[in-house]
Amino acid sequence: MSIRKRAAAAYRPRVGESVLDTRTGRTGIYMDTIGGEHYLRPPEGGCEWTARPEHVTPAGPADGGSAGTADADPADPTRPAGRADPAPTAPAHAA
């Protein structure tokens, strides 16, 4: 009689979380899962790439991750990630 071991469930990241693609060694921001593959993008922006769920783990501080989420926009550390700049206001007209 053989004993089968059940495969451990793959890690399921949250949108915006910093993760490590163990196959490539790249750190990315988790965007979505489509067709069974995770879509990741570089933290500094750029083209997305796909990774199999079994190759994705949480990014630790050594991997370039911080608290596990992308908390800030690299261009402006005071603005949360994913937030667009506010619409420019029209100049006040002189009376």
N, C-alpha and C. Protein backbone atom coordinates (compact mmCIF):
# COMPACT_ATOMS: atom_id res chain seq x y z
N MET A 1 0.84 -1.17 0.00
CA MET A 1 0.00 0.00 0.00
C MET A 1 0.89 1.24 0.00
N SER A 2 0.62 2.15 -0.91
CA SER A 2 1.42 3.38 -0.97
C SER A 2 0.65 4.54 -0.34
N ILE A 3 1.42 5.45 0.18
CA ILE A 3 0.82 6.64 0.79
C ILE A 3 1.06 7.80 -0.16
N ARG A 4 -0.01 8.42 -0.57
CA ARG A 4 0.10 9.57 -1.46
C ARG A 4 0.13 10.84 -0.63
N LYS A 5 1.01 11.72 -1.00
CA LYS A 5 1.06 13.02 -0.35
C LYS A 5 0.33 14.01 -1.24
N ARG A 6 -0.53 14.77 -0.62
CA ARG A 6 -1.25 15.79 -1.36
C ARG A 6 -0.33 16.98 -1.55
N ALA A 7 -0.31 17.49 -2.77
CA ALA A 7 0.52 18.66 -3.06
C ALA A 7 0.02 19.85 -2.26
N ALA A 8 0.95 20.61 -1.72
CA ALA A 8 0.59 21.80 -0.96
C ALA A 8 -0.06 22.81 -1.91
N ALA A 9 -1.03 23.52 -1.39
CA ALA A 9 -1.71 24.54 -2.20
C ALA A 9 -0.73 25.65 -2.54
N ALA A 10 -0.83 26.16 -3.76
CA ALA A 10 0.04 27.25 -4.19
C ALA A 10 -0.30 28.51 -3.41
N TYR A 11 0.70 29.35 -3.19
CA TYR A 11 0.52 30.61 -2.50
C TYR A 11 -0.39 31.51 -3.33
N ARG A 12 -1.35 32.16 -2.68
CA ARG A 12 -2.29 33.05 -3.38
C ARG A 12 -2.05 34.49 -2.95
N PRO A 13 -1.33 35.26 -3.76
CA PRO A 13 -1.04 36.65 -3.38
C PRO A 13 -2.25 37.56 -3.54
N ARG A 14 -2.19 38.73 -2.91
CA ARG A 14 -3.22 39.75 -3.06
C ARG A 14 -2.77 40.74 -4.15
N VAL A 15 -3.73 41.36 -4.82
CA VAL A 15 -3.41 42.35 -5.85
C VAL A 15 -2.58 43.46 -5.22
N GLY A 16 -1.48 43.81 -5.87
CA GLY A 16 -0.59 44.85 -5.38
C GLY A 16 0.51 44.35 -4.48
N GLU A 17 0.49 43.06 -4.15
CA GLU A 17 1.50 42.49 -3.25
C GLU A 17 2.81 42.25 -3.98
N SER A 18 3.90 42.48 -3.28
CA SER A 18 5.23 42.22 -3.81
C SER A 18 5.53 40.73 -3.66
N VAL A 19 5.86 40.08 -4.78
CA VAL A 19 6.11 38.63 -4.78
C VAL A 19 7.41 38.32 -5.51
N LEU A 20 7.91 37.12 -5.27
CA LEU A 20 9.12 36.64 -5.92
C LEU A 20 8.76 35.52 -6.89
N ASP A 21 9.20 35.65 -8.13
CA ASP A 21 9.08 34.59 -9.12
C ASP A 21 10.32 33.72 -8.97
N THR A 22 10.18 32.58 -8.31
CA THR A 22 11.34 31.74 -8.00
C THR A 22 11.97 31.13 -9.24
N ARG A 23 11.23 31.02 -10.33
CA ARG A 23 11.78 30.46 -11.56
C ARG A 23 12.80 31.41 -12.18
N THR A 24 12.48 32.72 -12.16
CA THR A 24 13.36 33.70 -12.79
C THR A 24 14.20 34.49 -11.78
N GLY A 25 13.80 34.46 -10.51
CA GLY A 25 14.50 35.24 -9.49
C GLY A 25 14.09 36.71 -9.47
N ARG A 26 13.08 37.06 -10.24
CA ARG A 26 12.62 38.45 -10.32
C ARG A 26 11.56 38.74 -9.27
N THR A 27 11.60 39.95 -8.73
CA THR A 27 10.56 40.42 -7.82
C THR A 27 9.56 41.22 -8.64
N GLY A 28 8.28 41.01 -8.39
CA GLY A 28 7.25 41.72 -9.14
C GLY A 28 6.06 42.03 -8.27
N ILE A 29 5.18 42.82 -8.80
CA ILE A 29 3.92 43.16 -8.15
C ILE A 29 2.84 42.29 -8.78
N TYR A 30 2.09 41.57 -7.93
CA TYR A 30 1.03 40.69 -8.42
C TYR A 30 -0.13 41.54 -8.94
N MET A 31 -0.57 41.24 -10.17
CA MET A 31 -1.66 41.99 -10.79
C MET A 31 -2.96 41.18 -10.87
N ASP A 32 -2.87 39.92 -11.31
CA ASP A 32 -4.09 39.13 -11.52
C ASP A 32 -3.69 37.70 -11.87
N THR A 33 -4.67 36.80 -11.85
CA THR A 33 -4.48 35.44 -12.34
C THR A 33 -5.47 35.22 -13.47
N ILE A 34 -4.96 34.87 -14.63
CA ILE A 34 -5.80 34.60 -15.79
C ILE A 34 -5.31 33.31 -16.42
N GLY A 35 -6.24 32.41 -16.68
CA GLY A 35 -5.88 31.15 -17.33
C GLY A 35 -4.91 30.32 -16.53
N GLY A 36 -4.95 30.45 -15.21
CA GLY A 36 -4.08 29.65 -14.36
C GLY A 36 -2.68 30.21 -14.18
N GLU A 37 -2.38 31.38 -14.75
CA GLU A 37 -1.05 31.98 -14.60
C GLU A 37 -1.17 33.32 -13.90
N HIS A 38 -0.21 33.61 -13.03
CA HIS A 38 -0.16 34.89 -12.34
C HIS A 38 0.50 35.91 -13.26
N TYR A 39 -0.05 37.10 -13.30
CA TYR A 39 0.53 38.20 -14.05
C TYR A 39 1.23 39.12 -13.06
N LEU A 40 2.51 39.36 -13.32
CA LEU A 40 3.34 40.18 -12.45
C LEU A 40 3.92 41.31 -13.28
N ARG A 41 4.22 42.43 -12.60
CA ARG A 41 4.90 43.53 -13.27
C ARG A 41 6.06 43.98 -12.42
N PRO A 42 7.09 44.56 -13.04
CA PRO A 42 8.23 45.05 -12.25
C PRO A 42 7.78 46.15 -11.29
N PRO A 43 8.37 46.24 -10.10
CA PRO A 43 7.97 47.29 -9.15
C PRO A 43 8.16 48.69 -9.70
N GLU A 44 9.15 48.89 -10.55
CA GLU A 44 9.41 50.22 -11.11
C GLU A 44 8.57 50.49 -12.36
N GLY A 45 7.69 49.55 -12.72
CA GLY A 45 6.86 49.70 -13.91
C GLY A 45 7.50 48.98 -15.08
N GLY A 46 6.72 48.75 -16.09
CA GLY A 46 7.24 48.06 -17.27
C GLY A 46 6.30 46.95 -17.70
N CYS A 47 6.80 46.09 -18.57
CA CYS A 47 6.00 45.01 -19.14
C CYS A 47 5.73 43.92 -18.12
N GLU A 48 4.50 43.44 -18.11
CA GLU A 48 4.12 42.32 -17.25
C GLU A 48 4.73 41.04 -17.79
N TRP A 49 4.84 40.05 -16.91
CA TRP A 49 5.22 38.71 -17.32
C TRP A 49 4.34 37.74 -16.55
N THR A 50 4.31 36.50 -17.01
CA THR A 50 3.50 35.49 -16.34
C THR A 50 4.38 34.53 -15.57
N ALA A 51 3.79 33.98 -14.52
CA ALA A 51 4.49 32.98 -13.70
C ALA A 51 3.47 31.94 -13.26
N ARG A 52 3.89 30.70 -13.22
CA ARG A 52 3.03 29.63 -12.71
C ARG A 52 2.85 29.84 -11.21
N PRO A 53 1.68 29.58 -10.67
CA PRO A 53 1.43 29.78 -9.23
C PRO A 53 2.43 29.07 -8.32
N GLU A 54 2.92 27.90 -8.72
CA GLU A 54 3.87 27.18 -7.87
C GLU A 54 5.24 27.84 -7.82
N HIS A 55 5.48 28.82 -8.70
CA HIS A 55 6.76 29.54 -8.72
C HIS A 55 6.69 30.90 -8.02
N VAL A 56 5.54 31.22 -7.41
CA VAL A 56 5.36 32.53 -6.79
C VAL A 56 5.30 32.40 -5.27
N THR A 57 6.15 33.19 -4.59
CA THR A 57 6.18 33.22 -3.13
C THR A 57 6.18 34.68 -2.68
N PRO A 58 5.86 34.94 -1.41
CA PRO A 58 5.92 36.32 -0.93
C PRO A 58 7.36 36.83 -1.00
N ALA A 59 7.52 38.08 -1.37
CA ALA A 59 8.86 38.68 -1.43
C ALA A 59 9.23 39.20 -0.06
N GLY A 60 10.38 38.81 0.42
CA GLY A 60 10.88 39.30 1.69
C GLY A 60 11.74 40.53 1.48
N PRO A 61 12.22 41.13 2.57
CA PRO A 61 13.06 42.33 2.45
C PRO A 61 14.30 42.09 1.59
N ALA A 62 14.87 40.91 1.62
CA ALA A 62 16.06 40.61 0.82
C ALA A 62 15.74 40.56 -0.68
N ASP A 63 14.45 40.33 -1.01
CA ASP A 63 14.03 40.24 -2.40
C ASP A 63 13.56 41.58 -2.96
N GLY A 64 13.58 42.61 -2.15
CA GLY A 64 13.11 43.92 -2.59
C GLY A 64 11.69 44.20 -2.15
N GLY A 65 11.07 43.27 -1.43
CA GLY A 65 9.74 43.50 -0.89
C GLY A 65 9.83 44.17 0.45
N SER A 66 8.77 44.84 0.86
CA SER A 66 8.80 45.47 2.18
C SER A 66 7.83 44.76 3.07
N ALA A 67 6.65 45.30 3.24
CA ALA A 67 5.66 44.69 4.10
C ALA A 67 4.80 43.71 3.32
N GLY A 68 5.23 43.37 2.11
CA GLY A 68 4.46 42.43 1.30
C GLY A 68 3.49 43.10 0.35
N THR A 69 3.39 44.42 0.39
CA THR A 69 2.52 45.12 -0.53
C THR A 69 3.25 46.30 -1.12
N ALA A 70 2.78 46.73 -2.26
CA ALA A 70 3.33 47.93 -2.89
C ALA A 70 2.59 49.11 -2.28
N ASP A 71 3.18 49.71 -1.27
CA ASP A 71 2.50 50.77 -0.54
C ASP A 71 2.61 52.13 -1.18
N ALA A 72 3.62 52.36 -1.97
CA ALA A 72 3.82 53.70 -2.48
C ALA A 72 4.23 53.68 -3.94
N ASP A 73 3.93 54.79 -4.59
CA ASP A 73 4.35 55.00 -5.97
C ASP A 73 5.82 55.39 -5.93
N PRO A 74 6.70 54.71 -6.68
CA PRO A 74 8.11 55.05 -6.62
C PRO A 74 8.40 56.50 -7.00
N ALA A 75 7.56 57.10 -7.84
CA ALA A 75 7.78 58.47 -8.25
C ALA A 75 7.43 59.47 -7.14
N ASP A 76 6.52 59.10 -6.25
CA ASP A 76 6.10 59.99 -5.17
C ASP A 76 5.79 59.15 -3.95
N PRO A 77 6.71 59.04 -3.00
CA PRO A 77 6.49 58.18 -1.85
C PRO A 77 5.34 58.60 -0.96
N THR A 78 4.80 59.80 -1.16
CA THR A 78 3.67 60.23 -0.34
C THR A 78 2.33 59.83 -0.93
N ARG A 79 2.33 59.35 -2.18
CA ARG A 79 1.08 58.99 -2.84
C ARG A 79 0.94 57.47 -2.88
N PRO A 80 -0.20 56.93 -2.44
CA PRO A 80 -0.39 55.47 -2.49
C PRO A 80 -0.32 54.96 -3.92
N ALA A 81 0.13 53.73 -4.08
CA ALA A 81 0.24 53.11 -5.40
C ALA A 81 -1.13 53.01 -6.05
N GLY A 82 -1.15 53.14 -7.36
CA GLY A 82 -2.39 52.98 -8.11
C GLY A 82 -3.25 54.22 -8.16
N ARG A 83 -2.85 55.28 -7.50
CA ARG A 83 -3.64 56.51 -7.51
C ARG A 83 -3.08 57.46 -8.55
N ALA A 84 -3.95 57.96 -9.38
CA ALA A 84 -3.53 58.91 -10.39
C ALA A 84 -3.39 60.30 -9.76
N ASP A 85 -2.59 61.13 -10.41
CA ASP A 85 -2.50 62.50 -9.93
C ASP A 85 -3.86 63.15 -10.06
N PRO A 86 -4.21 64.03 -9.13
CA PRO A 86 -5.51 64.70 -9.24
C PRO A 86 -5.57 65.54 -10.51
N ALA A 87 -6.77 65.73 -11.01
CA ALA A 87 -6.93 66.53 -12.22
C ALA A 87 -6.48 67.96 -11.94
N PRO A 88 -5.78 68.55 -12.90
CA PRO A 88 -5.33 69.92 -12.66
C PRO A 88 -6.52 70.84 -12.50
N THR A 89 -6.37 71.80 -11.62
CA THR A 89 -7.46 72.75 -11.39
C THR A 89 -7.30 73.91 -12.36
N ALA A 90 -8.40 74.46 -12.76
CA ALA A 90 -8.39 75.60 -13.67
C ALA A 90 -7.91 76.83 -12.91
N PRO A 91 -7.11 77.67 -13.55
CA PRO A 91 -6.64 78.87 -12.85
C PRO A 91 -7.82 79.80 -12.56
N ALA A 92 -7.70 80.50 -11.45
CA ALA A 92 -8.75 81.45 -11.08
C ALA A 92 -8.70 82.63 -12.04
N HIS A 93 -9.86 83.06 -12.48
CA HIS A 93 -9.93 84.20 -13.39
C HIS A 93 -9.84 85.50 -12.59
N ALA A 94 -9.10 86.41 -13.13
CA ALA A 94 -9.01 87.73 -12.48
C ALA A 94 -10.29 88.49 -12.71
N ALA A 95 -10.78 89.16 -11.70
CA ALA A 95 -12.04 89.90 -11.83
C ALA A 95 -11.85 91.28 -12.38
